[in-house]
């Protein structure tokens, strides 16, 4: 029997978790990948997941790593420990949520693990964040543009922004629909499989716009 392709999902509070949009996406994506024949591992935080959730798919593995529970350091610290663990285990591909983890992508790159990064919104332009947090998000976005193998956008406007500001293309995959056949997301099919089979084919294409 051939070995299952392996994928690690990083950057959320875990599986199953109900914290936000990324966690909602992972609750759908992880079982779908398991059903499609992937060996799926979701990284999370202690106390943030519900092991007794009746909707939990037992085929989805979870790994808990440590971090610092503060508003300014939790995302970065949990992301760092999760990436260290994933780099050590070396999955075929990593799905990374949130550009704040862009700082740690070189660790996966050095281990030959291609990354598919969901960039989310333009956090560094939101009023809810202070000056330092905005600088961190923007720096994380730039390092994501440099080191991410392939980027995913959940809105066309976000894709256009990244192409203009950072010079990188990506894949548009919208949220919130069970049947995306009518959406402009045909290129989303088998992205994870493409990344796992060849890191070179997973690299984003630089924009030629000025």
C-alpha atoms as a PDB file:
ATOM      1  CA  UNK A   1       0.000   0.000   0.000  1.00  0.00           C
ATOM      2  CA  UNK A   2       1.455   3.402  -0.978  1.00  0.00           C
ATOM      3  CA  UNK A   3       2.229   5.873   1.788  1.00  0.00           C
ATOM      4  CA  UNK A   4      -0.421   8.525   2.389  1.00  0.00           C
ATOM      5  CA  UNK A   5       0.483  12.082   1.488  1.00  0.00           C
ATOM      6  CA  UNK A   6       0.807  14.150   4.659  1.00  0.00           C
ATOM      7  CA  UNK A   7      -0.321  17.705   5.340  1.00  0.00           C
ATOM      8  CA  UNK A   8       0.095  19.894   8.401  1.00  0.00           C
ATOM      9  CA  UNK A   9      -2.356  22.724   9.107  1.00  0.00           C
ATOM     10  CA  UNK A  10      -0.764  25.523  11.109  1.00  0.00           C
ATOM     11  CA  UNK A  11      -1.756  28.947  12.361  1.00  0.00           C
ATOM     12  CA  UNK A  12      -5.113  28.316  14.040  1.00  0.00           C
ATOM     13  CA  UNK A  13      -6.179  27.445  17.575  1.00  0.00           C
ATOM     14  CA  UNK A  14      -6.618  23.824  16.578  1.00  0.00           C
ATOM     15  CA  UNK A  15      -9.218  21.237  15.595  1.00  0.00           C
ATOM     16  CA  UNK A  16     -12.020  21.388  16.291  1.00  0.00           C
ATOM     17  CA  UNK A  17     -12.143  24.989  17.458  1.00  0.00           C
ATOM     18  CA  UNK A  18     -14.817  27.650  17.111  1.00  0.00           C
ATOM     19  CA  UNK A  19     -12.756  30.787  17.660  1.00  0.00           C
ATOM     20  CA  UNK A  20     -12.901  32.486  14.257  1.00  0.00           C
ATOM     21  CA  UNK A  21     -12.966  32.220  10.478  1.00  0.00           C
ATOM     22  CA  UNK A  22      -9.725  30.272  10.124  1.00  0.00           C
ATOM     23  CA  UNK A  23     -10.921  27.736  12.685  1.00  0.00           C
ATOM     24  CA  UNK A  24     -14.206  27.376  10.810  1.00  0.00           C
ATOM     25  CA  UNK A  25     -12.270  26.752   7.603  1.00  0.00           C
ATOM     26  CA  UNK A  26     -10.098  24.116   9.268  1.00  0.00           C
ATOM     27  CA  UNK A  27     -13.178  22.303  10.614  1.00  0.00           C
ATOM     28  CA  UNK A  28     -14.208  21.830   6.977  1.00  0.00           C
ATOM     29  CA  UNK A  29     -10.824  21.435   5.288  1.00  0.00           C
ATOM     30  CA  UNK A  30      -9.246  18.885   7.640  1.00  0.00           C
ATOM     31  CA  UNK A  31     -11.983  16.211   7.329  1.00  0.00           C
ATOM     32  CA  UNK A  32     -12.191  16.832   3.581  1.00  0.00           C
ATOM     33  CA  UNK A  33      -8.473  16.173   3.192  1.00  0.00           C
ATOM     34  CA  UNK A  34      -8.700  13.068   5.382  1.00  0.00           C
ATOM     35  CA  UNK A  35     -11.574  11.788   3.275  1.00  0.00           C
ATOM     36  CA  UNK A  36      -9.446  12.450   0.174  1.00  0.00           C
ATOM     37  CA  UNK A  37      -6.709  10.157   1.444  1.00  0.00           C
ATOM     38  CA  UNK A  38      -4.393  12.617   3.206  1.00  0.00           C
ATOM     39  CA  UNK A  39      -2.664  12.038   6.529  1.00  0.00           C
ATOM     40  CA  UNK A  40      -3.859  15.220   8.280  1.00  0.00           C
ATOM     41  CA  UNK A  41      -2.348  16.901  11.333  1.00  0.00           C
ATOM     42  CA  UNK A  42      -3.740  20.137  12.775  1.00  0.00           C
ATOM     43  CA  UNK A  43      -1.628  22.167  15.194  1.00  0.00           C
ATOM     44  CA  UNK A  44      -3.343  23.966  18.039  1.00  0.00           C
ATOM     45  CA  UNK A  45      -3.225  25.403  21.542  1.00  0.00           C
ATOM     46  CA  UNK A  46      -3.915  23.810  24.886  1.00  0.00           C
ATOM     47  CA  UNK A  47      -7.476  24.448  26.035  1.00  0.00           C
ATOM     48  CA  UNK A  48      -8.606  25.816  22.670  1.00  0.00           C
ATOM     49  CA  UNK A  49      -9.982  22.631  21.144  1.00  0.00           C
ATOM     50  CA  UNK A  50     -12.926  20.383  21.926  1.00  0.00           C
ATOM     51  CA  UNK A  51     -11.887  16.730  21.892  1.00  0.00           C
ATOM     52  CA  UNK A  52     -15.416  15.683  22.874  1.00  0.00           C
ATOM     53  CA  UNK A  53     -17.013  17.465  19.930  1.00  0.00           C
ATOM     54  CA  UNK A  54     -19.445  14.977  18.331  1.00  0.00           C
ATOM     55  CA  UNK A  55     -18.565  16.363  14.912  1.00  0.00           C
ATOM     56  CA  UNK A  56     -14.857  15.686  15.324  1.00  0.00           C
ATOM     57  CA  UNK A  57     -13.352  13.496  12.610  1.00  0.00           C
ATOM     58  CA  UNK A  58     -11.204  10.828  14.302  1.00  0.00           C
ATOM     59  CA  UNK A  59      -8.977  10.592  11.225  1.00  0.00           C
ATOM     60  CA  UNK A  60      -7.676  14.132  11.862  1.00  0.00           C
ATOM     61  CA  UNK A  61      -4.679  14.164  14.192  1.00  0.00           C
ATOM     62  CA  UNK A  62      -3.987  17.089  16.507  1.00  0.00           C
ATOM     63  CA  UNK A  63      -0.750  18.339  18.005  1.00  0.00           C
ATOM     64  CA  UNK A  64      -0.583  20.897  20.791  1.00  0.00           C
ATOM     65  CA  UNK A  65       2.443  23.170  21.107  1.00  0.00           C
ATOM     66  CA  UNK A  66       3.349  25.798  23.672  1.00  0.00           C
ATOM     67  CA  UNK A  67       3.208  29.563  23.401  1.00  0.00           C
ATOM     68  CA  UNK A  68       2.899  32.803  25.313  1.00  0.00           C
ATOM     69  CA  UNK A  69      -0.679  33.769  26.132  1.00  0.00           C
ATOM     70  CA  UNK A  70      -0.611  37.509  25.501  1.00  0.00           C
ATOM     71  CA  UNK A  71      -2.379  39.553  22.850  1.00  0.00           C
ATOM     72  CA  UNK A  72       0.882  40.641  21.231  1.00  0.00           C
ATOM     73  CA  UNK A  73       2.842  37.372  21.422  1.00  0.00           C
ATOM     74  CA  UNK A  74       0.380  34.477  21.325  1.00  0.00           C
ATOM     75  CA  UNK A  75       0.057  34.189  17.547  1.00  0.00           C
ATOM     76  CA  UNK A  76       3.796  34.510  16.912  1.00  0.00           C
ATOM     77  CA  UNK A  77       4.903  32.232  19.745  1.00  0.00           C
ATOM     78  CA  UNK A  78       2.426  29.434  19.044  1.00  0.00           C
ATOM     79  CA  UNK A  79       3.217  29.738  15.355  1.00  0.00           C
ATOM     80  CA  UNK A  80       6.940  29.383  15.996  1.00  0.00           C
ATOM     81  CA  UNK A  81       6.620  26.244  18.124  1.00  0.00           C
ATOM     82  CA  UNK A  82       4.176  24.681  15.663  1.00  0.00           C
ATOM     83  CA  UNK A  83       6.470  25.378  12.717  1.00  0.00           C
ATOM     84  CA  UNK A  84       9.469  23.957  14.591  1.00  0.00           C
ATOM     85  CA  UNK A  85       7.541  20.750  15.262  1.00  0.00           C
ATOM     86  CA  UNK A  86       6.228  20.527  11.703  1.00  0.00           C
ATOM     87  CA  UNK A  87       9.692  21.160  10.266  1.00  0.00           C
ATOM     88  CA  UNK A  88      11.042  18.312  12.381  1.00  0.00           C
ATOM     89  CA  UNK A  89       8.291  15.944  11.219  1.00  0.00           C
ATOM     90  CA  UNK A  90       8.549  17.154   7.604  1.00  0.00           C
ATOM     91  CA  UNK A  91       5.060  16.719   6.099  1.00  0.00           C
ATOM     92  CA  UNK A  92       4.639  16.663   2.335  1.00  0.00           C
ATOM     93  CA  UNK A  93       3.015  20.095   2.454  1.00  0.00           C
ATOM     94  CA  UNK A  94       1.949  22.674   5.052  1.00  0.00           C
ATOM     95  CA  UNK A  95      -1.192  24.785   4.932  1.00  0.00           C
ATOM     96  CA  UNK A  96      -0.430  27.949   6.914  1.00  0.00           C
ATOM     97  CA  UNK A  97      -3.110  30.358   8.090  1.00  0.00           C
ATOM     98  CA  UNK A  98      -2.202  34.016   8.729  1.00  0.00           C
ATOM     99  CA  UNK A  99       0.681  36.090   7.357  1.00  0.00           C
ATOM    100  CA  UNK A 100       2.002  36.651  10.886  1.00  0.00           C
ATOM    101  CA  UNK A 101       3.632  33.235  10.486  1.00  0.00           C
ATOM    102  CA  UNK A 102       5.557  34.455   7.462  1.00  0.00           C
ATOM    103  CA  UNK A 103       8.555  34.998   9.755  1.00  0.00           C
ATOM    104  CA  UNK A 104       8.807  31.242  10.317  1.00  0.00           C
ATOM    105  CA  UNK A 105       8.321  30.052   6.729  1.00  0.00           C
ATOM    106  CA  UNK A 106      12.095  29.866   6.056  1.00  0.00           C
ATOM    107  CA  UNK A 107      12.284  27.033   8.619  1.00  0.00           C
ATOM    108  CA  UNK A 108       9.887  24.957   6.530  1.00  0.00           C
ATOM    109  CA  UNK A 109      11.658  26.027   3.348  1.00  0.00           C
ATOM    110  CA  UNK A 110      14.982  24.784   4.704  1.00  0.00           C
ATOM    111  CA  UNK A 111      13.387  21.410   5.386  1.00  0.00           C
ATOM    112  CA  UNK A 112      11.995  21.195   1.868  1.00  0.00           C
ATOM    113  CA  UNK A 113       8.358  21.552   2.969  1.00  0.00           C
ATOM    114  CA  UNK A 114       6.299  23.553   0.443  1.00  0.00           C
ATOM    115  CA  UNK A 115       3.780  25.935   1.986  1.00  0.00           C
ATOM    116  CA  UNK A 116       0.328  27.077   0.970  1.00  0.00           C
ATOM    117  CA  UNK A 117      -0.432  30.293   2.881  1.00  0.00           C
ATOM    118  CA  UNK A 118      -3.909  31.726   3.390  1.00  0.00           C
ATOM    119  CA  UNK A 119      -3.136  35.426   3.829  1.00  0.00           C
ATOM    120  CA  UNK A 120      -6.508  36.483   5.302  1.00  0.00           C
ATOM    121  CA  UNK A 121      -7.222  40.233   5.285  1.00  0.00           C
ATOM    122  CA  UNK A 122      -5.077  43.362   5.342  1.00  0.00           C
ATOM    123  CA  UNK A 123      -4.563  43.394   9.091  1.00  0.00           C
ATOM    124  CA  UNK A 124      -1.946  46.169   9.077  1.00  0.00           C
ATOM    125  CA  UNK A 125      -4.566  48.621   7.848  1.00  0.00           C
ATOM    126  CA  UNK A 126      -7.184  47.808  10.507  1.00  0.00           C
ATOM    127  CA  UNK A 127      -7.840  50.346  13.252  1.00  0.00           C
ATOM    128  CA  UNK A 128      -8.089  47.649  15.947  1.00  0.00           C
ATOM    129  CA  UNK A 129      -4.316  47.147  15.940  1.00  0.00           C
ATOM    130  CA  UNK A 130      -1.684  49.446  17.395  1.00  0.00           C
ATOM    131  CA  UNK A 131       1.372  50.714  15.564  1.00  0.00           C
ATOM    132  CA  UNK A 132       3.658  47.856  16.613  1.00  0.00           C
ATOM    133  CA  UNK A 133       1.122  45.170  15.689  1.00  0.00           C
ATOM    134  CA  UNK A 134       0.583  46.779  12.293  1.00  0.00           C
ATOM    135  CA  UNK A 135       4.329  46.786  11.654  1.00  0.00           C
ATOM    136  CA  UNK A 136       4.535  43.109  12.605  1.00  0.00           C
ATOM    137  CA  UNK A 137       1.664  42.163  10.309  1.00  0.00           C
ATOM    138  CA  UNK A 138       3.117  44.107   7.404  1.00  0.00           C
ATOM    139  CA  UNK A 139       6.573  42.592   7.907  1.00  0.00           C
ATOM    140  CA  UNK A 140       4.973  39.156   8.140  1.00  0.00           C
ATOM    141  CA  UNK A 141       3.151  39.796   4.879  1.00  0.00           C
ATOM    142  CA  UNK A 142       6.369  40.750   3.137  1.00  0.00           C
ATOM    143  CA  UNK A 143       8.187  37.652   4.386  1.00  0.00           C
ATOM    144  CA  UNK A 144       5.189  35.565   3.324  1.00  0.00           C
ATOM    145  CA  UNK A 145       5.503  37.026  -0.171  1.00  0.00           C
ATOM    146  CA  UNK A 146       9.191  36.066  -0.181  1.00  0.00           C
ATOM    147  CA  UNK A 147       9.010  32.607   1.344  1.00  0.00           C
ATOM    148  CA  UNK A 148       5.518  31.235   0.758  1.00  0.00           C
ATOM    149  CA  UNK A 149       5.419  28.590  -1.965  1.00  0.00           C
ATOM    150  CA  UNK A 150       1.854  29.490  -2.974  1.00  0.00           C
ATOM    151  CA  UNK A 151      -0.631  32.026  -1.622  1.00  0.00           C
ATOM    152  CA  UNK A 152      -4.397  31.771  -1.180  1.00  0.00           C
ATOM    153  CA  UNK A 153      -6.779  34.744  -1.170  1.00  0.00           C
ATOM    154  CA  UNK A 154     -10.406  34.644  -0.051  1.00  0.00           C
ATOM    155  CA  UNK A 155     -11.362  37.792  -1.975  1.00  0.00           C
ATOM    156  CA  UNK A 156     -10.489  39.148  -5.413  1.00  0.00           C
ATOM    157  CA  UNK A 157      -9.731  42.563  -3.897  1.00  0.00           C
ATOM    158  CA  UNK A 158      -7.164  40.975  -1.568  1.00  0.00           C
ATOM    159  CA  UNK A 159      -5.549  39.194  -4.515  1.00  0.00           C
ATOM    160  CA  UNK A 160      -5.327  42.473  -6.413  1.00  0.00           C
ATOM    161  CA  UNK A 161      -3.806  44.214  -3.373  1.00  0.00           C
ATOM    162  CA  UNK A 162      -1.083  41.591  -2.961  1.00  0.00           C
ATOM    163  CA  UNK A 163      -0.246  41.667  -6.637  1.00  0.00           C
ATOM    164  CA  UNK A 164       0.085  45.451  -6.571  1.00  0.00           C
ATOM    165  CA  UNK A 165       1.923  45.834  -3.253  1.00  0.00           C
ATOM    166  CA  UNK A 166       4.044  42.693  -3.078  1.00  0.00           C
ATOM    167  CA  UNK A 167       4.260  41.549  -6.692  1.00  0.00           C
ATOM    168  CA  UNK A 168       2.913  38.036  -6.148  1.00  0.00           C
ATOM    169  CA  UNK A 169       0.012  36.130  -7.634  1.00  0.00           C
ATOM    170  CA  UNK A 170      -1.940  33.409  -5.919  1.00  0.00           C
ATOM    171  CA  UNK A 171      -5.122  31.362  -5.911  1.00  0.00           C
ATOM    172  CA  UNK A 172      -8.587  32.760  -5.191  1.00  0.00           C
ATOM    173  CA  UNK A 173     -10.603  30.388  -2.981  1.00  0.00           C
ATOM    174  CA  UNK A 174     -13.772  31.920  -1.515  1.00  0.00           C
ATOM    175  CA  UNK A 175     -15.227  30.947   1.831  1.00  0.00           C
ATOM    176  CA  UNK A 176     -18.771  30.206   2.881  1.00  0.00           C
ATOM    177  CA  UNK A 177     -20.142  28.004   0.092  1.00  0.00           C
ATOM    178  CA  UNK A 178     -20.572  24.243  -0.021  1.00  0.00           C
ATOM    179  CA  UNK A 179     -20.512  24.091  -3.812  1.00  0.00           C
ATOM    180  CA  UNK A 180     -17.985  26.540  -5.301  1.00  0.00           C
ATOM    181  CA  UNK A 181     -18.640  25.443  -8.904  1.00  0.00           C
ATOM    182  CA  UNK A 182     -20.046  28.840  -9.814  1.00  0.00           C
ATOM    183  CA  UNK A 183     -17.114  30.736  -8.299  1.00  0.00           C
ATOM    184  CA  UNK A 184     -13.878  31.734  -9.997  1.00  0.00           C
ATOM    185  CA  UNK A 185     -11.858  29.139  -8.149  1.00  0.00           C
ATOM    186  CA  UNK A 186     -11.128  26.349 -10.604  1.00  0.00           C
ATOM    187  CA  UNK A 187      -7.408  26.723  -9.971  1.00  0.00           C
ATOM    188  CA  UNK A 188      -7.957  25.741  -6.342  1.00  0.00           C
ATOM    189  CA  UNK A 189      -8.398  22.066  -7.248  1.00  0.00           C
ATOM    190  CA  UNK A 190      -5.605  19.763  -6.134  1.00  0.00           C
ATOM    191  CA  UNK A 191      -3.417  22.650  -4.936  1.00  0.00           C
ATOM    192  CA  UNK A 192      -2.227  20.639  -1.957  1.00  0.00           C
ATOM    193  CA  UNK A 193      -1.475  17.667  -4.190  1.00  0.00           C
ATOM    194  CA  UNK A 194       0.462  19.905  -6.576  1.00  0.00           C
ATOM    195  CA  UNK A 195       2.536  21.299  -3.730  1.00  0.00           C
ATOM    196  CA  UNK A 196       3.311  17.882  -2.289  1.00  0.00           C
ATOM    197  CA  UNK A 197       4.371  16.379  -5.592  1.00  0.00           C
ATOM    198  CA  UNK A 198       6.736  19.170  -6.559  1.00  0.00           C
ATOM    199  CA  UNK A 199       7.814  22.230  -4.562  1.00  0.00           C
ATOM    200  CA  UNK A 200       8.833  23.938  -7.780  1.00  0.00           C
ATOM    201  CA  UNK A 201       5.334  23.675  -9.228  1.00  0.00           C
ATOM    202  CA  UNK A 202       3.935  25.154  -6.007  1.00  0.00           C
ATOM    203  CA  UNK A 203       5.899  28.389  -6.235  1.00  0.00           C
ATOM    204  CA  UNK A 204       3.954  31.558  -6.872  1.00  0.00           C
ATOM    205  CA  UNK A 205       4.481  33.447 -10.095  1.00  0.00           C
ATOM    206  CA  UNK A 206       5.838  36.990  -9.609  1.00  0.00           C
ATOM    207  CA  UNK A 207       3.719  39.757 -11.018  1.00  0.00           C
ATOM    208  CA  UNK A 208       4.946  41.547 -14.093  1.00  0.00           C
ATOM    209  CA  UNK A 209       3.042  44.719 -13.259  1.00  0.00           C
ATOM    210  CA  UNK A 210       5.017  47.816 -12.412  1.00  0.00           C
END
